[in-house]
């Protein structure tokens, strides 16, 4: 959860559903065929199923997914599925209510678990994203795998990333992919790597299979960056187009959109931004001799886009 002193985006700056649908349509015309609604928390947006319905009806869009903290999912899972949402991912870093409060500063652990169960029932399964942290949830790797087995959830362990602002990131808090695999293999036995093919080749998670067939993933962007194969961009709720999660500047699409730019003009702006991309944020950070906080709290007050809850992760 964001810190109380962070700067929030003005409500009038947020793109309307009509504006979002138009921008997505333009991206699809440029070859984008997968869209993920993320955050922040997308379920805080009122009447979100109506946006899902607009996007899902877009010809050429073959996959529409969402990542949520799960707090409000139980109440909205069926409406989202009926509107056309393809897949769902829930963020869950711990199975312990006290650790959950420590991490999020809200006592909604039970609501998240209810959301996961409801989401799995409605969607026939889901993914569970877990940021692995030394000294916080490092003893829960195996319990989380077993929880995923019970709720039809594919767990994806994410290395702790030094993104956003005052994340209090520290290198010794990171549990690297090789260590995650070592611990799981010591418990379960030999683990097989699942080759990534087709659209999965650019996916951030490497996937693995336990001896009993259970599949899980690891996103190792901190210790083993995958910038060279990354094909993802981010559009913030207020219309800023970012090419990299670590980017400190993006391209404003809202201003030309509201100034009356044509689809062709917006398409040209998006194309020129994408073709000029040189971002290697994770690789650049990994090369630093002294990795500390990505940006300062003072910088966050000047530009809320520098924080994960605004840019989207």
Protein backbone atom coordinates (compact mmCIF):
# COMPACT_ATOMS: atom_id res chain seq x y z
CA UNK A 1 0.00 0.00 0.00
CA UNK A 2 1.23 3.54 -0.70
CA UNK A 3 2.47 5.71 2.13
CA UNK A 4 -0.03 8.29 3.51
CA UNK A 5 2.17 11.22 2.48
CA UNK A 6 2.40 10.25 -1.17
CA UNK A 7 0.92 12.55 -3.79
CA UNK A 8 -2.19 11.18 -5.49
CA UNK A 9 -3.34 11.85 -9.04
CA UNK A 10 -6.10 14.47 -9.35
CA UNK A 11 -9.39 12.77 -10.21
CA UNK A 12 -10.03 15.09 -13.15
CA UNK A 13 -6.75 13.95 -14.71
CA UNK A 14 -7.83 10.31 -14.91
CA UNK A 15 -8.78 9.06 -18.34
CA UNK A 16 -12.45 8.25 -18.76
CA UNK A 17 -13.45 4.76 -19.80
CA UNK A 18 -14.19 6.14 -23.28
CA UNK A 19 -10.70 7.64 -23.47
CA UNK A 20 -9.07 4.47 -22.20
CA UNK A 21 -10.97 2.36 -24.71
CA UNK A 22 -9.92 4.67 -27.54
CA UNK A 23 -6.24 4.55 -26.58
CA UNK A 24 -6.36 0.75 -26.26
CA UNK A 25 -7.99 0.55 -29.70
CA UNK A 26 -5.09 2.58 -31.13
CA UNK A 27 -2.53 0.36 -29.41
CA UNK A 28 -4.28 -2.72 -30.81
CA UNK A 29 -4.10 -1.21 -34.30
CA UNK A 30 -0.33 -1.05 -33.81
CA UNK A 31 -0.09 -4.75 -32.99
CA UNK A 32 -0.75 -4.95 -29.25
CA UNK A 33 -2.92 -8.00 -28.55
CA UNK A 34 -2.60 -8.38 -24.77
CA UNK A 35 -3.76 -5.90 -22.13
CA UNK A 36 -3.51 -6.13 -18.35
CA UNK A 37 -5.41 -3.90 -15.94
CA UNK A 38 -3.21 -3.30 -12.93
CA UNK A 39 -2.48 -0.60 -10.42
CA UNK A 40 -2.58 0.69 -7.87
CA UNK A 41 -5.76 -1.24 -7.38
CA UNK A 42 -8.04 -1.46 -10.44
CA UNK A 43 -11.08 -2.54 -8.41
CA UNK A 44 -11.15 0.87 -6.76
CA UNK A 45 -12.31 2.26 -10.10
CA UNK A 46 -16.08 2.49 -10.01
CA UNK A 47 -17.98 0.28 -12.48
CA UNK A 48 -14.83 -1.45 -13.69
CA UNK A 49 -16.77 -4.25 -15.45
CA UNK A 50 -18.06 -1.68 -17.94
CA UNK A 51 -14.47 -0.87 -18.93
CA UNK A 52 -13.71 -4.57 -19.21
CA UNK A 53 -16.72 -4.97 -21.49
CA UNK A 54 -15.49 -2.14 -23.74
CA UNK A 55 -11.98 -3.56 -23.97
CA UNK A 56 -13.02 -7.20 -24.36
CA UNK A 57 -15.14 -6.30 -27.40
CA UNK A 58 -12.11 -4.85 -29.20
CA UNK A 59 -11.32 -7.01 -32.27
CA UNK A 60 -7.69 -8.07 -32.25
CA UNK A 61 -7.34 -8.13 -28.48
CA UNK A 62 -6.83 -11.78 -27.67
CA UNK A 63 -6.10 -11.58 -23.94
CA UNK A 64 -7.44 -9.24 -21.27
CA UNK A 65 -6.09 -9.85 -17.77
CA UNK A 66 -6.10 -8.07 -14.43
CA UNK A 67 -3.85 -7.92 -11.37
CA UNK A 68 -5.57 -7.03 -8.09
CA UNK A 69 -4.80 -6.99 -4.38
CA UNK A 70 -7.92 -9.15 -4.01
CA UNK A 71 -9.62 -7.14 -1.27
CA UNK A 72 -12.73 -6.43 -3.38
CA UNK A 73 -12.47 -9.36 -5.75
CA UNK A 74 -15.07 -11.62 -4.16
CA UNK A 75 -17.80 -9.07 -4.86
CA UNK A 76 -16.76 -8.43 -8.47
CA UNK A 77 -15.23 -11.64 -9.85
CA UNK A 78 -18.34 -12.91 -11.61
CA UNK A 79 -19.22 -9.55 -13.15
CA UNK A 80 -15.67 -9.20 -14.46
CA UNK A 81 -15.74 -12.67 -15.98
CA UNK A 82 -19.11 -12.07 -17.59
CA UNK A 83 -17.85 -8.77 -18.99
CA UNK A 84 -15.05 -10.59 -20.78
CA UNK A 85 -12.00 -10.61 -18.48
CA UNK A 86 -9.80 -13.54 -19.51
CA UNK A 87 -7.51 -14.09 -16.55
CA UNK A 88 -6.82 -12.81 -13.08
CA UNK A 89 -3.79 -12.48 -10.81
CA UNK A 90 -3.97 -11.71 -7.10
CA UNK A 91 -1.09 -10.28 -5.08
CA UNK A 92 -0.54 -12.22 -1.84
CA UNK A 93 2.79 -11.98 -0.04
CA UNK A 94 1.92 -13.96 3.06
CA UNK A 95 -0.48 -16.46 4.59
CA UNK A 96 -0.03 -14.90 8.03
CA UNK A 97 -2.53 -12.19 9.02
CA UNK A 98 -0.01 -10.39 11.25
CA UNK A 99 2.62 -10.29 8.50
CA UNK A 100 -0.04 -9.07 6.09
CA UNK A 101 -0.81 -6.10 8.35
CA UNK A 102 2.91 -5.40 8.69
CA UNK A 103 3.30 -5.27 4.90
CA UNK A 104 0.09 -3.49 3.92
CA UNK A 105 -0.90 -1.56 7.07
CA UNK A 106 -4.52 -2.75 6.64
CA UNK A 107 -6.26 -5.69 8.27
CA UNK A 108 -7.87 -7.21 5.15
CA UNK A 109 -6.10 -10.56 4.91
CA UNK A 110 -9.30 -12.57 5.19
CA UNK A 111 -10.90 -10.52 2.41
CA UNK A 112 -7.95 -11.28 0.11
CA UNK A 113 -8.23 -15.02 0.76
CA UNK A 114 -11.97 -14.85 0.07
CA UNK A 115 -11.20 -12.98 -3.15
CA UNK A 116 -8.73 -15.65 -4.24
CA UNK A 117 -11.24 -18.43 -3.61
CA UNK A 118 -13.98 -16.56 -5.47
CA UNK A 119 -11.66 -15.71 -8.35
CA UNK A 120 -10.48 -19.30 -8.69
CA UNK A 121 -14.08 -20.54 -8.73
CA UNK A 122 -15.22 -18.04 -11.35
CA UNK A 123 -12.15 -18.17 -13.60
CA UNK A 124 -11.31 -21.85 -13.09
CA UNK A 125 -7.99 -20.93 -11.49
CA UNK A 126 -5.73 -17.90 -11.20
CA UNK A 127 -2.19 -16.75 -10.54
CA UNK A 128 -0.85 -15.60 -7.20
CA UNK A 129 1.98 -13.06 -7.14
CA UNK A 130 4.26 -13.18 -4.10
CA UNK A 131 7.19 -10.85 -3.49
CA UNK A 132 9.76 -13.00 -1.69
CA UNK A 133 11.45 -11.16 1.19
CA UNK A 134 14.20 -12.33 3.50
CA UNK A 135 13.19 -11.89 7.10
CA UNK A 136 9.53 -11.38 6.23
CA UNK A 137 8.02 -14.32 4.33
CA UNK A 138 11.10 -16.41 3.56
CA UNK A 139 9.68 -19.32 5.58
CA UNK A 140 6.47 -19.33 3.55
CA UNK A 141 7.72 -20.45 0.14
CA UNK A 142 6.53 -24.02 0.60
CA UNK A 143 3.28 -23.12 2.44
CA UNK A 144 2.44 -20.70 -0.40
CA UNK A 145 3.01 -23.42 -3.01
CA UNK A 146 0.74 -25.73 -1.02
CA UNK A 147 -1.87 -23.00 -0.66
CA UNK A 148 -1.79 -22.50 -4.42
CA UNK A 149 -2.37 -26.21 -4.90
CA UNK A 150 -5.48 -26.05 -2.73
CA UNK A 151 -7.05 -23.03 -4.45
CA UNK A 152 -6.00 -23.80 -8.06
CA UNK A 153 -3.53 -20.94 -8.01
CA UNK A 154 -0.21 -20.86 -9.85
CA UNK A 155 2.19 -19.09 -7.52
CA UNK A 156 4.74 -16.70 -9.01
CA UNK A 157 7.55 -15.64 -6.72
CA UNK A 158 8.88 -12.15 -7.51
CA UNK A 159 12.32 -10.95 -6.52
CA UNK A 160 12.09 -7.77 -4.43
CA UNK A 161 12.62 -4.89 -6.86
CA UNK A 162 14.09 -1.46 -6.11
CA UNK A 163 11.40 0.41 -7.99
CA UNK A 164 9.24 3.33 -6.97
CA UNK A 165 10.28 5.71 -4.27
CA UNK A 166 10.64 5.15 -0.55
CA UNK A 167 10.43 1.37 -0.85
CA UNK A 168 13.09 0.92 1.86
CA UNK A 169 14.68 -1.52 -0.56
CA UNK A 170 17.76 -3.39 0.63
CA UNK A 171 19.80 -5.94 -1.27
CA UNK A 172 19.84 -8.37 1.66
CA UNK A 173 16.04 -8.54 1.59
CA UNK A 174 16.10 -10.05 -1.91
CA UNK A 175 15.63 -13.81 -2.24
CA UNK A 176 17.20 -14.61 -5.61
CA UNK A 177 15.71 -17.08 -8.06
CA UNK A 178 18.54 -19.57 -7.51
CA UNK A 179 17.87 -19.53 -3.76
CA UNK A 180 14.12 -19.98 -4.24
CA UNK A 181 14.79 -22.98 -6.48
CA UNK A 182 17.33 -24.40 -4.03
CA UNK A 183 14.87 -24.26 -1.13
CA UNK A 184 11.99 -25.74 -3.10
CA UNK A 185 14.15 -28.48 -4.59
CA UNK A 186 15.45 -29.41 -1.14
CA UNK A 187 11.84 -30.02 -0.10
CA UNK A 188 10.20 -31.38 -3.25
CA UNK A 189 13.04 -32.96 -5.21
CA UNK A 190 14.12 -32.26 -8.80
CA UNK A 191 12.42 -29.28 -10.43
CA UNK A 192 11.99 -29.11 -14.21
CA UNK A 193 12.16 -25.88 -16.20
CA UNK A 194 9.24 -25.34 -18.61
CA UNK A 195 10.42 -23.98 -21.99
CA UNK A 196 8.81 -20.67 -22.94
CA UNK A 197 7.37 -20.71 -26.44
CA UNK A 198 5.24 -18.36 -28.53
CA UNK A 199 3.79 -15.43 -26.61
CA UNK A 200 5.26 -16.80 -23.37
CA UNK A 201 8.79 -16.19 -24.66
CA UNK A 202 8.59 -12.53 -23.59
CA UNK A 203 6.69 -13.17 -20.35
CA UNK A 204 8.45 -11.95 -17.20
CA UNK A 205 8.08 -15.22 -15.30
CA UNK A 206 10.17 -18.33 -15.88
CA UNK A 207 7.98 -21.35 -15.16
CA UNK A 208 8.87 -24.59 -13.43
CA UNK A 209 7.25 -27.93 -12.63
CA UNK A 210 7.53 -29.87 -9.37
CA UNK A 211 7.74 -33.69 -9.43
CA UNK A 212 4.00 -33.92 -8.68
CA UNK A 213 3.16 -31.71 -11.67
CA UNK A 214 2.56 -28.46 -9.77
CA UNK A 215 3.59 -25.45 -11.86
CA UNK A 216 5.00 -22.24 -10.38
CA UNK A 217 6.89 -19.25 -11.69
CA UNK A 218 9.71 -16.91 -10.70
CA UNK A 219 10.19 -13.33 -11.87
CA UNK A 220 13.90 -12.63 -11.42
CA UNK A 221 14.13 -9.07 -12.70
CA UNK A 222 16.41 -7.97 -9.84
CA UNK A 223 19.23 -10.52 -10.14
CA UNK A 224 18.68 -11.68 -13.73
CA UNK A 225 17.06 -8.82 -15.71
CA UNK A 226 15.20 -9.69 -18.90
CA UNK A 227 15.22 -6.23 -20.50
CA UNK A 228 16.39 -7.59 -23.86
CA UNK A 229 13.18 -9.57 -24.37
CA UNK A 230 10.74 -7.20 -22.65
CA UNK A 231 7.92 -6.08 -24.95
CA UNK A 232 5.72 -4.32 -22.38
CA UNK A 233 4.65 -0.73 -22.00
CA UNK A 234 2.54 0.96 -19.33
CA UNK A 235 -0.26 3.45 -19.65
CA UNK A 236 -1.06 5.19 -16.38
CA UNK A 237 -4.62 6.00 -15.34
CA UNK A 238 -4.00 9.62 -16.34
CA UNK A 239 -2.59 8.81 -19.77
CA UNK A 240 1.19 8.77 -19.43
CA UNK A 241 2.88 6.12 -21.61
CA UNK A 242 5.95 4.54 -19.97
CA UNK A 243 8.34 2.16 -21.70
CA UNK A 244 9.95 0.76 -18.56
CA UNK A 245 8.97 0.17 -14.94
CA UNK A 246 12.10 2.08 -13.91
CA UNK A 247 11.45 5.03 -16.25
CA UNK A 248 11.36 8.47 -14.64
CA UNK A 249 9.74 10.14 -17.66
CA UNK A 250 6.98 9.10 -20.03
CA UNK A 251 5.01 10.35 -23.02
CA UNK A 252 1.84 12.28 -22.30
CA UNK A 253 -1.06 10.92 -24.37
CA UNK A 254 -3.82 12.63 -22.40
CA UNK A 255 -2.96 16.17 -23.49
CA UNK A 256 -3.14 15.50 -27.26
CA UNK A 257 -6.10 13.19 -26.73
CA UNK A 258 -8.11 15.95 -25.04
CA UNK A 259 -6.82 18.59 -27.45
CA UNK A 260 -8.55 16.79 -30.31
CA UNK A 261 -5.73 14.73 -31.83
CA UNK A 262 -6.84 12.26 -34.47
CA UNK A 263 -6.30 8.51 -34.16
CA UNK A 264 -3.54 8.77 -36.77
CA UNK A 265 -1.79 11.51 -34.79
CA UNK A 266 -1.96 9.50 -31.58
CA UNK A 267 -0.83 6.39 -33.43
CA UNK A 268 2.17 8.28 -34.75
CA UNK A 269 3.08 9.54 -31.28
CA UNK A 270 2.89 6.05 -29.81
CA UNK A 271 4.87 4.52 -32.69
CA UNK A 272 7.65 7.11 -32.54
CA UNK A 273 7.92 6.71 -28.76
CA UNK A 274 8.13 2.93 -28.99
CA UNK A 275 10.60 2.73 -31.87
CA UNK A 276 12.97 5.13 -30.08
CA UNK A 277 13.05 3.10 -26.89
CA UNK A 278 16.44 2.38 -25.35
CA UNK A 279 15.24 1.52 -21.83
CA UNK A 280 17.22 -1.08 -19.90
CA UNK A 281 16.13 -0.04 -16.42
CA UNK A 282 16.61 -3.33 -14.58
CA UNK A 283 19.96 -3.96 -16.23
CA UNK A 284 21.12 -0.44 -15.40
CA UNK A 285 20.12 -0.86 -11.76
CA UNK A 286 21.79 -4.28 -11.53
CA UNK A 287 25.06 -2.76 -12.77
CA UNK A 288 25.21 -0.18 -9.97
CA UNK A 289 27.86 -0.71 -7.34
CA UNK A 290 25.59 0.78 -4.68
CA UNK A 291 21.88 0.14 -5.17
CA UNK A 292 19.74 2.31 -2.95
CA UNK A 293 16.25 3.83 -3.11
CA UNK A 294 15.26 4.45 -6.72
CA UNK A 295 13.93 7.98 -6.13
CA UNK A 296 13.57 10.15 -3.06
CA UNK A 297 10.38 10.94 -1.19
CA UNK A 298 10.89 14.58 -2.19
CA UNK A 299 10.87 13.55 -5.85
CA UNK A 300 7.66 11.60 -5.25
CA UNK A 301 5.96 14.71 -3.96
CA UNK A 302 6.87 16.46 -7.21
CA UNK A 303 5.77 13.60 -9.46
CA UNK A 304 3.44 10.87 -8.21
CA UNK A 305 4.17 8.80 -11.33
CA UNK A 306 7.48 7.72 -9.84
CA UNK A 307 5.70 5.42 -7.39
CA UNK A 308 4.48 1.93 -8.20
CA UNK A 309 0.89 2.50 -7.06
CA UNK A 310 0.57 5.23 -9.71
CA UNK A 311 2.70 3.91 -12.56
CA UNK A 312 1.44 0.36 -12.29
CA UNK A 313 3.54 -2.73 -11.81
